[in-house]
Amino acid sequence: MTAFWDTITAGWSDMGHTEFWVALVKIMWINILLSGDNALVIAMACRGLPPKQRVWGMVLGAGVAVGLRVVFTGIVATLMTLPYLKIVGGLALFYIAVKLLVLEDENEGETEAVDHLWRAVRIVAVADIIMSLDNVIAIAAAAGGNMALMVIGLAISVPLIVAGAALIMALLDKFPILIWAGAALLGWIVGEVIATDPVAVGFLTTKYGAGVAHQAEIACAVVGAALVLLIGGFWRRSKLAGKAHSEA
């Protein structure tokens, strides 16, 4: 317990040094550049919430994303190098991407609305764990093991992620077609995550070379985007048909 607390509090004494603030700016900039996918997931997960709960959904979603990134900066980078873990994570993200295309029921009660709020936060949490590998590696490298830098840099990034999610959500409300584009983007990320699993990369590189492995990554990304749109569209259509039948 003492060692864990020492890790959390390590680095705060360096705040008086110029290097600390330079590294802090680097971490903030990295997080902003790499958090577009998080803002997209937050926006899509929260778009079905009642208006008064959307703000809470965005704030809690961004807070969870940042908090998890602090906790998993060391863990995720290590775990995602394990065989098959990216494949499992990619499949979980695939389900999330498809589910985001399915319409939520309207006219829900307050209890259901609260449940949906936390459901949205859970979606953001799972998606962030899966998609955060590039973020955590870059942030860990910029921080140089200084936990204070990571905590401060990521915390300052929260309002920026919320602002990005709010902007995306406004665009989704105004241009619903962007919901499909967002789902396709998540599907693309799914394909990339699965194709970059150590098992897949090792097999393709050994048997066909690095060039083929890179081409396979692009092909998997295209297939992932297409499958999300096809399966999500079918699921959405089935739900709309069932709702129309029940109202008839």
Protein backbone atom coordinates (compact mmCIF):
# COMPACT_ATOMS: atom_id res chain seq x y z
CA MET A 1 0.00 0.00 0.00
CA THR A 2 2.85 2.38 0.84
CA ALA A 3 4.58 1.63 -2.45
CA PHE A 4 1.35 2.32 -4.35
CA TRP A 5 0.86 5.65 -2.57
CA ASP A 6 4.48 6.59 -3.25
CA THR A 7 3.87 5.92 -6.95
CA ILE A 8 0.76 8.12 -6.98
CA THR A 9 2.44 11.02 -5.17
CA ALA A 10 5.77 10.73 -6.99
CA GLY A 11 6.86 13.69 -9.05
CA TRP A 12 5.00 16.51 -7.31
CA SER A 13 8.27 17.91 -5.96
CA ASP A 14 9.41 18.55 -9.56
CA MET A 15 6.74 21.21 -10.16
CA GLY A 16 9.33 23.94 -9.56
CA HIS A 17 11.42 22.85 -12.54
CA THR A 18 10.98 24.09 -16.10
CA GLU A 19 11.20 20.53 -17.45
CA PHE A 20 8.06 19.63 -15.50
CA TRP A 21 5.96 22.29 -17.25
CA VAL A 22 7.40 21.54 -20.68
CA ALA A 23 6.49 17.89 -20.24
CA LEU A 24 3.04 18.92 -18.95
CA VAL A 25 2.34 20.87 -22.13
CA LYS A 26 3.49 17.85 -24.17
CA ILE A 27 1.09 15.53 -22.31
CA MET A 28 -1.85 17.92 -22.73
CA TRP A 29 -1.13 18.30 -26.44
CA ILE A 30 -0.76 14.54 -26.94
CA ASN A 31 -4.04 13.88 -25.14
CA ILE A 32 -5.88 16.50 -27.20
CA LEU A 33 -4.53 15.11 -30.47
CA LEU A 34 -5.32 11.50 -29.57
CA SER A 35 -8.69 12.02 -27.86
CA GLY A 36 -10.81 12.55 -30.96
CA ASP A 37 -12.00 8.94 -30.80
CA ASN A 38 -12.90 9.35 -27.12
CA ALA A 39 -14.93 12.49 -27.85
CA LEU A 40 -16.70 10.59 -30.63
CA VAL A 41 -17.59 7.66 -28.37
CA ILE A 42 -18.79 10.01 -25.62
CA ALA A 43 -20.94 11.96 -28.07
CA MET A 44 -22.50 8.86 -29.63
CA ALA A 45 -23.06 7.14 -26.30
CA CYS A 46 -24.76 10.23 -24.82
CA ARG A 47 -26.81 11.35 -27.81
CA GLY A 48 -29.84 9.31 -26.69
CA LEU A 49 -29.89 10.74 -23.15
CA PRO A 50 -32.48 13.34 -22.07
CA PRO A 51 -31.09 16.86 -22.60
CA LYS A 52 -30.62 17.51 -18.87
CA GLN A 53 -28.50 14.37 -18.52
CA ARG A 54 -26.33 14.92 -21.59
CA VAL A 55 -23.99 17.27 -19.75
CA TRP A 56 -23.57 14.78 -16.92
CA GLY A 57 -22.99 12.02 -19.45
CA MET A 58 -20.26 14.00 -21.18
CA VAL A 59 -18.58 15.10 -17.96
CA LEU A 60 -18.70 11.66 -16.35
CA GLY A 61 -17.69 9.99 -19.60
CA ALA A 62 -14.67 12.26 -20.02
CA GLY A 63 -13.79 11.89 -16.34
CA VAL A 64 -13.93 8.11 -16.56
CA ALA A 65 -11.85 8.15 -19.75
CA VAL A 66 -9.16 10.30 -18.17
CA GLY A 67 -9.23 8.47 -14.84
CA LEU A 68 -8.85 5.11 -16.54
CA ARG A 69 -6.01 6.45 -18.62
CA VAL A 70 -4.16 7.46 -15.46
CA VAL A 71 -4.73 4.07 -13.85
CA PHE A 72 -4.02 2.01 -16.94
CA THR A 73 -1.10 3.98 -18.38
CA GLY A 74 1.31 1.31 -17.22
CA ILE A 75 -1.08 -1.64 -17.19
CA VAL A 76 -2.70 -1.33 -20.63
CA ALA A 77 0.59 -0.83 -22.44
CA THR A 78 1.80 -4.11 -20.96
CA LEU A 79 -1.42 -6.08 -21.31
CA MET A 80 -2.03 -5.13 -24.93
CA THR A 81 1.21 -6.85 -25.88
CA LEU A 82 -0.23 -10.18 -24.73
CA PRO A 83 -1.41 -12.58 -27.45
CA TYR A 84 -5.11 -12.50 -28.39
CA LEU A 85 -5.99 -9.66 -25.98
CA LYS A 86 -6.36 -7.11 -28.77
CA ILE A 87 -8.62 -9.52 -30.62
CA VAL A 88 -10.88 -9.87 -27.58
CA GLY A 89 -10.82 -6.11 -27.02
CA GLY A 90 -11.58 -5.48 -30.68
CA LEU A 91 -14.62 -7.76 -30.55
CA ALA A 92 -15.88 -5.92 -27.46
CA LEU A 93 -15.44 -2.59 -29.24
CA PHE A 94 -17.22 -4.01 -32.29
CA TYR A 95 -20.30 -4.70 -30.17
CA ILE A 96 -20.14 -1.18 -28.77
CA ALA A 97 -19.91 0.34 -32.26
CA VAL A 98 -22.88 -1.69 -33.52
CA LYS A 99 -24.97 -0.95 -30.42
CA LEU A 100 -24.43 2.79 -30.86
CA LEU A 101 -26.42 2.62 -34.10
CA VAL A 102 -29.45 1.09 -32.37
CA LEU A 103 -32.12 3.54 -31.29
CA GLU A 104 -32.94 3.78 -27.59
CA ASP A 105 -36.55 3.63 -26.48
CA GLU A 106 -38.23 6.99 -25.99
CA ASN A 107 -40.66 8.10 -23.28
CA GLU A 108 -38.61 6.42 -20.59
CA GLY A 109 -39.07 7.03 -16.91
CA GLU A 110 -36.59 8.84 -14.65
CA THR A 111 -35.24 5.56 -13.29
CA GLU A 112 -34.59 4.27 -16.81
CA ALA A 113 -32.97 7.57 -17.79
CA VAL A 114 -30.53 7.32 -14.89
CA ASP A 115 -29.80 3.75 -15.86
CA HIS A 116 -29.10 4.86 -19.42
CA LEU A 117 -26.76 7.56 -18.12
CA TRP A 118 -24.61 5.01 -16.35
CA ARG A 119 -24.90 2.69 -19.34
CA ALA A 120 -23.44 5.46 -21.48
CA VAL A 121 -20.61 5.94 -18.99
CA ARG A 122 -19.90 2.20 -19.04
CA ILE A 123 -19.75 2.24 -22.85
CA VAL A 124 -17.23 5.08 -22.70
CA ALA A 125 -15.19 3.23 -20.06
CA VAL A 126 -14.97 -0.03 -22.01
CA ALA A 127 -14.23 1.72 -25.31
CA ASP A 128 -11.52 3.86 -23.73
CA ILE A 129 -9.74 0.87 -22.24
CA ILE A 130 -9.67 -0.77 -25.67
CA MET A 131 -8.70 2.32 -27.69
CA SER A 132 -6.28 3.96 -25.28
CA LEU A 133 -3.08 2.10 -26.18
CA ASP A 134 -1.68 4.86 -28.40
CA ASN A 135 -2.59 7.48 -25.79
CA VAL A 136 -1.06 5.72 -22.81
CA ILE A 137 2.20 4.87 -24.56
CA ALA A 138 2.67 8.44 -25.78
CA ILE A 139 1.69 9.97 -22.43
CA ALA A 140 3.87 7.58 -20.44
CA ALA A 141 6.83 8.42 -22.67
CA ALA A 142 6.27 12.18 -22.31
CA ALA A 143 5.87 11.91 -18.54
CA GLY A 144 9.00 9.85 -18.08
CA GLY A 145 7.41 7.95 -15.20
CA ASN A 146 6.29 11.11 -13.37
CA MET A 147 2.79 10.30 -12.09
CA ALA A 148 2.12 13.93 -11.14
CA LEU A 149 2.62 14.98 -14.74
CA MET A 150 0.17 12.37 -15.98
CA VAL A 151 -2.51 13.24 -13.40
CA ILE A 152 -2.31 17.01 -13.95
CA GLY A 153 -2.01 16.81 -17.74
CA LEU A 154 -4.91 14.42 -18.13
CA ALA A 155 -7.11 16.29 -15.63
CA ILE A 156 -6.64 19.57 -17.50
CA SER A 157 -7.60 17.74 -20.70
CA VAL A 158 -11.08 16.81 -19.35
CA PRO A 159 -12.85 20.07 -20.30
CA LEU A 160 -11.25 19.89 -23.75
CA ILE A 161 -12.60 16.38 -24.30
CA VAL A 162 -16.04 17.47 -23.02
CA ALA A 163 -16.02 20.44 -25.38
CA GLY A 164 -15.11 18.15 -28.28
CA ALA A 165 -17.89 15.72 -27.34
CA ALA A 166 -20.41 18.57 -27.09
CA LEU A 167 -19.42 19.84 -30.55
CA ILE A 168 -19.68 16.36 -32.06
CA MET A 169 -23.06 15.78 -30.36
CA ALA A 170 -24.41 19.05 -31.78
CA LEU A 171 -23.29 17.93 -35.24
CA LEU A 172 -24.88 14.50 -34.73
CA ASP A 173 -28.19 16.15 -33.83
CA LYS A 174 -28.05 18.42 -36.87
CA PHE A 175 -26.68 15.85 -39.33
CA PRO A 176 -27.87 12.33 -38.30
CA ILE A 177 -25.88 10.79 -41.16
CA LEU A 178 -22.77 11.54 -39.11
CA ILE A 179 -23.91 8.88 -36.62
CA TRP A 180 -23.29 6.30 -39.33
CA ALA A 181 -19.97 7.88 -40.18
CA GLY A 182 -18.97 7.74 -36.50
CA ALA A 183 -19.98 4.10 -36.22
CA ALA A 184 -17.97 3.32 -39.37
CA LEU A 185 -14.95 5.06 -37.83
CA LEU A 186 -15.24 2.92 -34.70
CA GLY A 187 -15.52 -0.14 -36.93
CA TRP A 188 -12.33 0.96 -38.69
CA ILE A 189 -10.60 1.18 -35.30
CA VAL A 190 -11.90 -2.32 -34.47
CA GLY A 191 -10.25 -3.71 -37.59
CA GLU A 192 -6.97 -1.98 -36.78
CA VAL A 193 -7.00 -3.21 -33.17
CA ILE A 194 -7.59 -6.83 -34.19
CA ALA A 195 -5.08 -6.73 -37.06
CA THR A 196 -2.34 -5.36 -34.78
CA ASP A 197 -2.68 -8.14 -32.21
CA PRO A 198 0.78 -9.66 -31.65
CA VAL A 199 -0.45 -13.05 -32.89
CA ALA A 200 -1.81 -11.63 -36.17
CA VAL A 201 1.21 -9.40 -36.78
CA GLY A 202 3.68 -12.18 -35.97
CA PHE A 203 1.96 -14.67 -38.29
CA LEU A 204 1.59 -12.28 -41.24
CA THR A 205 5.08 -10.81 -40.88
CA THR A 206 6.75 -14.20 -40.63
CA LYS A 207 4.86 -15.77 -43.50
CA TYR A 208 4.30 -12.86 -45.90
CA GLY A 209 6.46 -9.95 -44.73
CA ALA A 210 5.86 -6.57 -43.08
CA GLY A 211 4.30 -5.06 -46.21
CA VAL A 212 1.53 -7.64 -46.33
CA ALA A 213 0.94 -7.22 -42.61
CA HIS A 214 0.37 -3.50 -43.13
CA GLN A 215 -1.98 -4.15 -46.05
CA ALA A 216 -3.88 -6.66 -43.93
CA GLU A 217 -4.32 -3.99 -41.24
CA ILE A 218 -5.94 -1.65 -43.77
CA ALA A 219 -8.10 -4.45 -45.17
CA CYS A 220 -9.28 -5.43 -41.67
CA ALA A 221 -10.11 -1.79 -40.94
CA VAL A 222 -12.27 -1.56 -44.08
CA VAL A 223 -14.01 -4.84 -43.26
CA GLY A 224 -14.60 -3.71 -39.67
CA ALA A 225 -16.23 -0.46 -40.81
CA ALA A 226 -18.43 -2.32 -43.33
CA LEU A 227 -19.53 -4.97 -40.83
CA VAL A 228 -20.47 -2.37 -38.21
CA LEU A 229 -22.66 -0.56 -40.75
CA LEU A 230 -24.26 -3.77 -42.05
CA ILE A 231 -24.97 -5.42 -38.70
CA GLY A 232 -25.86 -2.16 -36.95
CA GLY A 233 -28.18 -1.19 -39.80
CA PHE A 234 -29.91 -4.57 -39.73
CA TRP A 235 -30.29 -4.43 -35.93
CA ARG A 236 -31.63 -0.87 -36.12
CA ARG A 237 -34.12 -1.80 -38.87
CA SER A 238 -35.32 -4.83 -36.91
CA LYS A 239 -35.88 -2.75 -33.79
CA LEU A 240 -37.80 -0.10 -35.75
CA ALA A 241 -39.94 -2.81 -37.37
CA GLY A 242 -40.69 -4.40 -34.00
CA LYS A 243 -41.62 -1.04 -32.53
CA ALA A 244 -43.93 -0.24 -35.46
CA HIS A 245 -45.58 -3.65 -35.11
CA SER A 246 -46.19 -3.17 -31.37
CA GLU A 247 -47.72 0.25 -31.95
CA ALA A 248 -50.01 -1.02 -34.73
